[in-house]
Amino acid sequence: MKRSKDSIGAVKTRFFEFCDSQNPMRLQCGTTLERFTLAYEMYGKMNAARSNVILLFHAMTGSQHAAGFNPDVPGLDGRWSEEMHEGWWDGFIGPGKALDTRKYCIICANYLGGCYGSTGPASLDPATGKPWGRNFPVLRVSDIVDSQVRLLDHLGVGKLHAVVGSSLGGFLSLSFATRYPERAGIVIPIGSGTETTMLQRIMNFEQITAIEADPNFRGGDHYEGPRPDTGLALARRIAHKTFISLEALKQRARDVVVSDAPPFGWYAMNSPVESYMLHQGVKFVSRFDANSYLRILDAWQWFNLLAESGAESYTDLFSRCRNQEFLVFSIDSDAAFPPAEQARLVKALKAAHVPVIWITVHSDKGHDSFLIEPHLFAPHVSQALQQG
């Protein structure tokens, strides 16, 4: 991605080290973490009251690097590929942009369990000095949120001006808003929903089995041998077809040259779309960890907003949010989180008498529209942040 002339420029990842044996973070699975690291980036400056902070949750395979240019994050074993150098939301963050760094301080952290500097399965287990691998704790969406609340506490941030999350990050934004209602002002879930859909559950399961079937996966303890690249690449291809519309997929693939060499034994690829999908998997494995992928998918599979928030119904749940303001985005061509999912969320918010605006973006790009078409979202985001 070419850097825009109004990019915020060079940035660096920061690291928050949580260490508290007296008050460890308790996970939903029942275990505790006395220490963990969160990699995060910050854009703009906090005001004196620390009331202008926006917490941004990335999507499933995103990172803390949301804006600007960051050519290196140390200790990632080559995963910080060139593809990662440009911020994934650079079109949204910066002076005069939707998340205006002249007014707001934006914080984005890599998920606990991730692989871009936060503690995850590829990190060293302090008890053994080797990667956690299969022994890394099971995570839920609320655990990832709780870890970032520890970061906010560390930074002295009480109530957020806004919490924003796209795709899976939208789940996290809802978890934050309902479990810490006094700490959220404006809530902006983009292309997300309230629960794991049946189609998502099936596709996530396909991805999980693709990785675990790779003989190099070895149950998750593969760090001293070959990586399970075949399984991880297949998982990525399974998911990728829902990120973009079929028309956009056709357009992206039309200039891709089909390989003359049949990579699958007897089968010879005969369409550019096959080469395109093969390439998506191959380039992905260089930048992501298979165990992190599985931990995050598992959190997605088990996501239960009511159970994790201790509510009996959605009306009960969202009644906590009556002092918040919601801006909900749908993308009309979204196959990953179709508009029916946002309709369900908006209906629940209205039933709980929560102020909500619902915007449907019309795009032929599919789910990825939230990444590549800032002009369709920015005016509405800017207005909501100014009114909050």
Protein backbone atom coordinates (compact mmCIF):
# COMPACT_ATOMS: atom_id res chain seq x y z
CA MET A 1 0.00 0.00 0.00
CA LYS A 2 1.38 3.37 -1.00
CA ARG A 3 1.79 5.82 1.81
CA SER A 4 -0.58 8.78 1.58
CA LYS A 5 0.95 12.23 1.68
CA ASP A 6 -1.04 13.02 4.84
CA SER A 7 0.14 9.91 6.72
CA ILE A 8 1.25 10.48 10.29
CA GLY A 9 4.71 9.23 9.32
CA ALA A 10 7.06 6.99 11.25
CA VAL A 11 5.78 5.33 14.43
CA LYS A 12 7.06 2.74 16.87
CA THR A 13 5.42 -0.05 18.78
CA ARG A 14 5.41 0.31 22.56
CA PHE A 15 5.19 -2.47 25.11
CA PHE A 16 3.11 -2.66 28.28
CA GLU A 17 4.40 -5.20 30.80
CA PHE A 18 1.79 -6.45 33.24
CA CYS A 19 3.26 -8.15 36.30
CA ASP A 20 1.22 -8.63 39.45
CA SER A 21 1.43 -11.83 41.47
CA GLN A 22 -0.93 -10.42 44.11
CA ASN A 23 -3.66 -9.49 41.63
CA PRO A 24 -3.14 -11.62 38.51
CA MET A 25 -5.51 -11.46 35.58
CA ARG A 26 -8.03 -14.27 35.84
CA LEU A 27 -9.06 -15.83 32.55
CA GLN A 28 -12.50 -17.20 31.73
CA CYS A 29 -11.05 -20.73 31.57
CA GLY A 30 -10.14 -20.44 35.27
CA THR A 31 -6.37 -20.02 34.99
CA THR A 32 -4.52 -16.82 35.82
CA LEU A 33 -1.75 -14.79 34.21
CA GLU A 34 0.61 -13.08 36.61
CA ARG A 35 2.48 -11.45 33.77
CA PHE A 36 1.97 -10.69 30.12
CA THR A 37 3.05 -8.17 27.52
CA LEU A 38 0.83 -6.10 25.23
CA ALA A 39 2.29 -4.48 22.12
CA TYR A 40 0.51 -1.22 21.33
CA GLU A 41 0.78 1.98 19.35
CA MET A 42 -0.48 5.45 20.16
CA TYR A 43 -1.36 8.22 17.73
CA GLY A 44 -2.01 11.78 18.88
CA LYS A 45 -1.68 13.08 22.42
CA MET A 46 -3.82 12.67 25.49
CA ASN A 47 -5.32 15.86 26.86
CA ALA A 48 -4.79 16.83 30.48
CA ALA A 49 -7.97 15.05 31.59
CA ARG A 50 -7.13 11.98 29.48
CA SER A 51 -10.68 12.17 28.16
CA ASN A 52 -9.91 12.23 24.43
CA VAL A 53 -8.76 8.62 24.10
CA ILE A 54 -10.17 6.25 21.48
CA LEU A 55 -9.49 2.54 21.89
CA LEU A 56 -9.31 0.75 18.55
CA PHE A 57 -9.70 -3.03 18.32
CA HIS A 58 -8.17 -4.63 15.24
CA ALA A 59 -9.64 -7.51 13.23
CA MET A 60 -8.65 -11.14 13.69
CA THR A 61 -5.27 -11.15 11.95
CA GLY A 62 -4.55 -7.45 12.36
CA SER A 63 -1.94 -5.86 14.58
CA GLN A 64 -1.30 -2.90 16.84
CA HIS A 65 0.07 -1.00 13.83
CA ALA A 66 -3.02 0.87 12.67
CA ALA A 67 -1.46 4.02 11.21
CA GLY A 68 1.77 5.46 9.86
CA PHE A 69 4.90 3.58 8.88
CA ASN A 70 6.61 1.06 11.12
CA PRO A 71 9.35 -0.98 9.41
CA ASP A 72 10.32 -3.10 12.39
CA VAL A 73 8.99 -4.68 15.55
CA PRO A 74 11.73 -6.67 17.30
CA GLY A 75 11.54 -10.29 18.34
CA LEU A 76 8.91 -11.54 15.89
CA ASP A 77 10.94 -14.21 14.09
CA GLY A 78 10.37 -12.66 10.66
CA ARG A 79 6.60 -12.20 10.99
CA TRP A 80 6.83 -8.41 10.58
CA SER A 81 6.87 -8.70 6.80
CA GLU A 82 6.84 -5.80 4.36
CA GLU A 83 3.07 -6.14 4.16
CA MET A 84 2.90 -5.04 7.81
CA HIS A 85 4.91 -1.82 7.47
CA GLU A 86 1.95 0.36 6.51
CA GLY A 87 -0.74 0.91 9.13
CA TRP A 88 -3.84 -1.13 8.34
CA TRP A 89 -6.15 1.89 9.02
CA ASP A 90 -3.85 4.65 7.80
CA GLY A 91 -6.67 6.15 5.74
CA PHE A 92 -8.72 6.70 8.90
CA ILE A 93 -6.12 7.97 11.39
CA GLY A 94 -4.19 11.24 11.22
CA PRO A 95 -4.63 15.01 11.12
CA GLY A 96 -7.99 15.88 9.62
CA LYS A 97 -9.02 12.25 9.16
CA ALA A 98 -11.94 10.44 10.75
CA LEU A 99 -9.88 9.64 13.86
CA ASP A 100 -8.29 13.08 13.95
CA THR A 101 -4.98 13.02 15.81
CA ARG A 102 -5.23 16.79 16.36
CA LYS A 103 -8.21 16.12 18.65
CA TYR A 104 -7.94 12.52 19.80
CA CYS A 105 -5.40 10.05 21.11
CA ILE A 106 -5.91 6.68 19.44
CA ILE A 107 -4.60 3.50 21.08
CA CYS A 108 -4.46 0.15 19.30
CA ALA A 109 -3.07 -2.98 20.97
CA ASN A 110 -2.24 -6.40 19.58
CA TYR A 111 -4.50 -9.03 21.09
CA LEU A 112 -3.34 -11.07 24.04
CA GLY A 113 -2.64 -14.40 22.32
CA GLY A 114 -1.47 -12.61 19.18
CA CYS A 115 1.88 -12.81 17.46
CA TYR A 116 3.01 -9.21 16.93
CA GLY A 117 4.65 -8.50 20.26
CA SER A 118 1.86 -9.33 22.71
CA THR A 119 2.20 -12.48 24.78
CA GLY A 120 0.96 -15.44 22.79
CA PRO A 121 1.74 -19.07 21.96
CA ALA A 122 4.92 -18.12 20.09
CA SER A 123 6.21 -16.14 23.10
CA LEU A 124 8.61 -17.70 25.58
CA ASP A 125 6.99 -19.31 28.59
CA PRO A 126 8.94 -17.92 31.58
CA ALA A 127 8.59 -21.30 33.30
CA THR A 128 10.37 -23.22 30.54
CA GLY A 129 12.26 -20.66 28.44
CA LYS A 130 10.65 -22.20 25.34
CA PRO A 131 7.63 -21.06 23.29
CA TRP A 132 4.32 -21.65 25.01
CA GLY A 133 2.96 -23.61 22.04
CA ARG A 134 0.06 -25.87 23.00
CA ASN A 135 0.41 -24.87 26.67
CA PHE A 136 -0.70 -21.29 26.11
CA PRO A 137 -3.97 -20.70 28.00
CA VAL A 138 -7.35 -20.87 26.34
CA LEU A 139 -8.70 -17.37 25.69
CA ARG A 140 -12.11 -15.80 25.39
CA VAL A 141 -13.01 -12.44 23.86
CA SER A 142 -13.55 -11.00 27.34
CA ASP A 143 -10.00 -12.01 28.32
CA ILE A 144 -8.57 -10.04 25.42
CA VAL A 145 -10.67 -7.06 26.45
CA ASP A 146 -9.64 -7.37 30.10
CA SER A 147 -5.97 -7.33 29.18
CA GLN A 148 -6.46 -4.05 27.35
CA VAL A 149 -8.32 -2.61 30.32
CA ARG A 150 -5.12 -3.28 32.29
CA LEU A 151 -3.28 -1.24 29.66
CA LEU A 152 -5.74 1.63 30.01
CA ASP A 153 -5.34 1.53 33.80
CA HIS A 154 -1.57 1.68 33.34
CA LEU A 155 -1.94 4.74 31.12
CA GLY A 156 -4.27 6.45 33.57
CA VAL A 157 -7.24 6.40 31.21
CA GLY A 158 -10.63 6.20 32.87
CA LYS A 159 -13.54 6.79 30.52
CA LEU A 160 -12.85 6.47 26.81
CA HIS A 161 -14.15 9.05 24.39
CA ALA A 162 -14.89 6.14 22.06
CA VAL A 163 -14.27 2.48 21.46
CA VAL A 164 -14.08 1.31 17.84
CA GLY A 165 -13.84 -2.20 16.43
CA SER A 166 -14.16 -3.73 12.97
CA SER A 167 -15.03 -7.33 12.12
CA LEU A 168 -13.97 -9.51 15.07
CA GLY A 169 -12.86 -6.28 16.72
CA GLY A 170 -16.51 -5.33 16.81
CA PHE A 171 -17.12 -8.24 19.20
CA LEU A 172 -14.44 -6.77 21.44
CA SER A 173 -15.99 -3.30 21.29
CA LEU A 174 -19.35 -4.72 22.41
CA SER A 175 -17.68 -6.72 25.17
CA PHE A 176 -15.96 -3.59 26.42
CA ALA A 177 -19.12 -1.47 26.20
CA THR A 178 -21.29 -3.96 28.10
CA ARG A 179 -18.76 -5.14 30.66
CA TYR A 180 -17.26 -1.71 31.37
CA PRO A 181 -20.23 0.54 30.57
CA GLU A 182 -19.00 3.42 32.73
CA ARG A 183 -15.76 3.55 30.73
CA ALA A 184 -17.20 3.88 27.22
CA GLY A 185 -18.70 6.98 25.64
CA ILE A 186 -19.23 6.35 21.92
CA VAL A 187 -19.26 2.80 20.58
CA ILE A 188 -18.60 2.14 16.88
CA PRO A 189 -18.81 -1.49 15.72
CA ILE A 190 -18.12 -1.83 11.97
CA GLY A 191 -19.12 -4.89 9.97
CA SER A 192 -19.67 -7.01 13.07
CA GLY A 193 -22.49 -8.52 15.15
CA THR A 194 -23.62 -9.86 18.49
CA GLU A 195 -22.84 -13.55 18.07
CA THR A 196 -20.99 -16.16 16.05
CA THR A 197 -23.16 -17.07 13.07
CA MET A 198 -23.67 -20.61 11.84
CA LEU A 199 -21.67 -19.94 8.67
CA GLN A 200 -18.81 -18.42 10.69
CA ARG A 201 -18.84 -21.42 13.01
CA ILE A 202 -18.58 -23.87 10.11
CA MET A 203 -15.84 -21.92 8.34
CA ASN A 204 -13.87 -21.43 11.54
CA PHE A 205 -14.08 -25.16 12.19
CA GLU A 206 -12.79 -25.85 8.68
CA GLN A 207 -9.83 -23.57 9.33
CA ILE A 208 -9.08 -25.21 12.67
CA THR A 209 -9.08 -28.69 11.18
CA ALA A 210 -6.93 -27.52 8.23
CA ILE A 211 -4.18 -26.39 10.61
CA GLU A 212 -4.40 -29.33 12.98
CA ALA A 213 -4.30 -31.80 10.08
CA ASP A 214 -0.92 -30.48 8.91
CA PRO A 215 1.65 -33.07 10.12
CA ASN A 216 4.09 -30.24 10.86
CA PHE A 217 1.67 -28.76 13.39
CA ARG A 218 2.51 -31.45 15.94
CA GLY A 219 -0.28 -30.44 18.27
CA GLY A 220 1.10 -26.92 18.47
CA ASP A 221 4.68 -27.76 19.45
CA HIS A 222 6.33 -27.08 16.11
CA TYR A 223 8.68 -24.20 16.88
CA GLU A 224 11.86 -26.26 16.69
CA GLY A 225 10.93 -27.83 13.35
CA PRO A 226 9.17 -26.99 10.08
CA ARG A 227 6.13 -24.77 10.32
CA PRO A 228 2.62 -25.97 9.45
CA ASP A 229 2.53 -23.65 6.45
CA THR A 230 0.32 -25.89 4.32
CA GLY A 231 -2.44 -26.03 6.92
CA LEU A 232 -2.22 -22.35 7.81
CA ALA A 233 -2.29 -21.31 4.14
CA LEU A 234 -5.36 -23.46 3.57
CA ALA A 235 -7.06 -21.91 6.59
CA ARG A 236 -6.39 -18.46 5.21
CA ARG A 237 -7.85 -19.36 1.84
CA ILE A 238 -10.97 -20.77 3.49
CA ALA A 239 -11.54 -17.45 5.26
CA HIS A 240 -10.41 -15.09 2.52
CA LYS A 241 -13.34 -15.78 0.21
CA THR A 242 -15.68 -14.08 2.71
CA PHE A 243 -13.53 -10.97 3.06
CA ILE A 244 -14.25 -9.65 -0.41
CA SER A 245 -17.23 -9.85 -2.72
CA LEU A 246 -17.12 -12.30 -5.61
CA GLU A 247 -17.07 -9.39 -8.04
CA ALA A 248 -14.10 -7.83 -6.24
CA LEU A 249 -12.41 -11.22 -6.18
CA LYS A 250 -12.89 -11.50 -9.93
CA GLN A 251 -11.38 -8.06 -10.46
CA ARG A 252 -8.39 -8.71 -8.20
CA ALA A 253 -7.63 -12.04 -9.81
CA ARG A 254 -7.91 -11.09 -13.47
CA ASP A 255 -4.29 -10.01 -13.83
CA VAL A 256 -2.77 -12.83 -11.79
CA VAL A 257 -0.77 -15.24 -13.92
CA VAL A 258 -1.70 -18.88 -13.52
CA SER A 259 1.30 -21.03 -12.63
CA ASP A 260 2.31 -23.54 -15.29
CA ALA A 261 3.49 -25.97 -12.65
CA PRO A 262 0.67 -27.96 -11.03
CA PRO A 263 1.32 -27.52 -7.29
CA PHE A 264 -1.15 -30.18 -6.20
CA GLY A 265 0.14 -33.26 -7.97
CA TRP A 266 -2.15 -34.12 -10.87
CA TYR A 267 -4.29 -30.95 -10.78
CA ALA A 268 -3.17 -28.04 -13.00
CA MET A 269 -4.63 -24.67 -12.08
CA ASN A 270 -6.63 -23.21 -14.95
CA SER A 271 -8.01 -19.91 -13.63
CA PRO A 272 -6.44 -16.70 -12.33
CA VAL A 273 -8.67 -16.89 -9.27
CA GLU A 274 -6.92 -20.11 -8.25
CA SER A 275 -3.51 -18.45 -8.49
CA TYR A 276 -4.85 -15.49 -6.52
CA MET A 277 -6.18 -17.64 -3.70
CA LEU A 278 -3.01 -19.73 -3.64
CA HIS A 279 -0.97 -16.53 -3.33
CA GLN A 280 -3.15 -15.23 -0.46
CA GLY A 281 -2.34 -18.32 1.58
CA VAL A 282 1.37 -18.39 0.72
CA LYS A 283 2.00 -14.75 1.66
CA PHE A 284 -0.03 -15.04 4.87
CA VAL A 285 2.02 -17.83 6.45
CA SER A 286 5.13 -15.63 6.53
CA ARG A 287 3.42 -13.12 8.81
CA PHE A 288 1.26 -15.12 11.21
CA ASP A 289 1.60 -17.84 13.82
CA ALA A 290 -0.57 -20.95 13.53
CA ASN A 291 -1.17 -21.26 17.27
CA SER A 292 -2.23 -17.62 17.55
CA TYR A 293 -4.61 -18.20 14.66
CA LEU A 294 -6.16 -21.13 16.52
CA ARG A 295 -6.42 -19.31 19.86
CA ILE A 296 -8.22 -16.36 18.28
CA LEU A 297 -10.51 -18.63 16.25
CA ASP A 298 -11.32 -20.51 19.45
CA ALA A 299 -12.26 -17.26 21.20
CA TRP A 300 -14.48 -16.46 18.21
CA GLN A 301 -16.13 -19.90 18.30
CA TRP A 302 -16.91 -19.59 22.01
CA PHE A 303 -17.97 -15.94 21.90
CA ASN A 304 -21.10 -15.46 24.01
CA LEU A 305 -21.77 -11.85 24.81
CA LEU A 306 -24.50 -12.66 27.31
CA ALA A 307 -22.54 -15.28 29.24
CA GLU A 308 -19.29 -13.31 29.27
CA SER A 309 -21.16 -10.21 30.45
CA GLY A 310 -23.32 -11.99 33.01
CA ALA A 311 -26.62 -10.87 31.46
CA GLU A 312 -29.87 -12.80 31.07
CA SER A 313 -31.05 -11.15 27.86
CA TYR A 314 -29.88 -8.63 25.29
CA THR A 315 -32.30 -6.07 26.70
CA ASP A 316 -30.77 -6.58 30.12
CA LEU A 317 -27.29 -6.46 28.61
CA PHE A 318 -27.65 -3.28 26.57
CA SER A 319 -29.64 -1.44 29.24
CA ARG A 320 -26.22 -0.89 30.79
CA CYS A 321 -25.30 1.19 27.73
CA ARG A 322 -28.00 3.87 27.91
CA ASN A 323 -25.42 6.54 28.64
CA GLN A 324 -23.45 5.56 25.56
CA GLU A 325 -24.05 6.43 21.90
CA PHE A 326 -23.74 3.78 19.20
CA LEU A 327 -22.84 4.17 15.55
CA VAL A 328 -23.33 0.81 13.81
CA PHE A 329 -22.03 0.19 10.30
CA SER A 330 -23.22 -2.41 7.81
CA ILE A 331 -21.62 -3.14 4.43
CA ASP A 332 -24.26 -4.23 1.95
CA SER A 333 -21.97 -6.72 0.15
CA ASP A 334 -20.48 -8.17 3.35
CA ALA A 335 -20.45 -11.98 3.30
CA ALA A 336 -18.48 -12.37 6.54
CA PHE A 337 -20.82 -10.29 8.75
CA PRO A 338 -23.91 -9.68 6.59
CA PRO A 339 -26.26 -6.75 7.34
CA ALA A 340 -28.72 -9.06 9.09
CA GLU A 341 -26.20 -9.30 11.94
CA GLN A 342 -26.10 -5.54 12.43
CA ALA A 343 -29.90 -5.42 12.16
CA ARG A 344 -30.06 -7.83 15.08
CA LEU A 345 -27.69 -5.61 17.09
CA VAL A 346 -29.60 -2.41 16.31
CA LYS A 347 -32.92 -4.04 17.24
CA ALA A 348 -31.48 -5.07 20.61
CA LEU A 349 -30.06 -1.60 21.24
CA LYS A 350 -33.38 0.07 20.45
CA ALA A 351 -35.25 -2.37 22.68
CA ALA A 352 -32.92 -1.31 25.51
CA HIS A 353 -33.45 2.40 24.67
CA VAL A 354 -29.82 2.98 23.73
CA PRO A 355 -29.15 5.89 21.33
CA VAL A 356 -28.06 4.35 18.02
CA ILE A 357 -27.44 5.43 14.43
CA TRP A 358 -27.27 2.70 11.78
CA ILE A 359 -25.41 3.37 8.55
CA THR A 360 -25.32 0.98 5.61
CA VAL A 361 -22.32 1.47 3.34
CA HIS A 362 -22.93 0.58 -0.29
CA SER A 363 -19.82 -1.02 -1.71
CA ASP A 364 -18.86 -3.73 -4.19
CA LYS A 365 -15.73 -4.57 -2.13
CA GLY A 366 -17.40 -6.77 0.49
CA HIS A 367 -16.20 -7.06 4.09
CA ASP A 368 -12.83 -5.53 3.23
CA SER A 369 -14.53 -2.21 2.49
CA PHE A 370 -13.83 -1.10 6.06
CA LEU A 371 -10.10 -1.41 5.31
CA ILE A 372 -9.84 0.08 1.85
CA GLU A 373 -12.64 2.64 1.44
CA PRO A 374 -12.30 5.19 4.25
CA HIS A 375 -14.29 7.81 2.32
CA LEU A 376 -17.45 5.74 2.76
CA PHE A 377 -17.14 5.68 6.56
CA ALA A 378 -15.15 8.78 7.55
CA PRO A 379 -17.90 11.47 7.43
CA HIS A 380 -20.18 9.46 9.72
CA VAL A 381 -17.36 8.54 12.12
CA SER A 382 -16.19 12.17 12.31
CA GLN A 383 -19.66 13.45 13.05
CA ALA A 384 -20.31 10.85 15.74
CA LEU A 385 -17.00 11.59 17.50
CA GLN A 386 -17.62 15.33 17.43
CA GLN A 387 -21.10 15.02 18.90
CA GLY A 388 -20.06 12.69 21.68
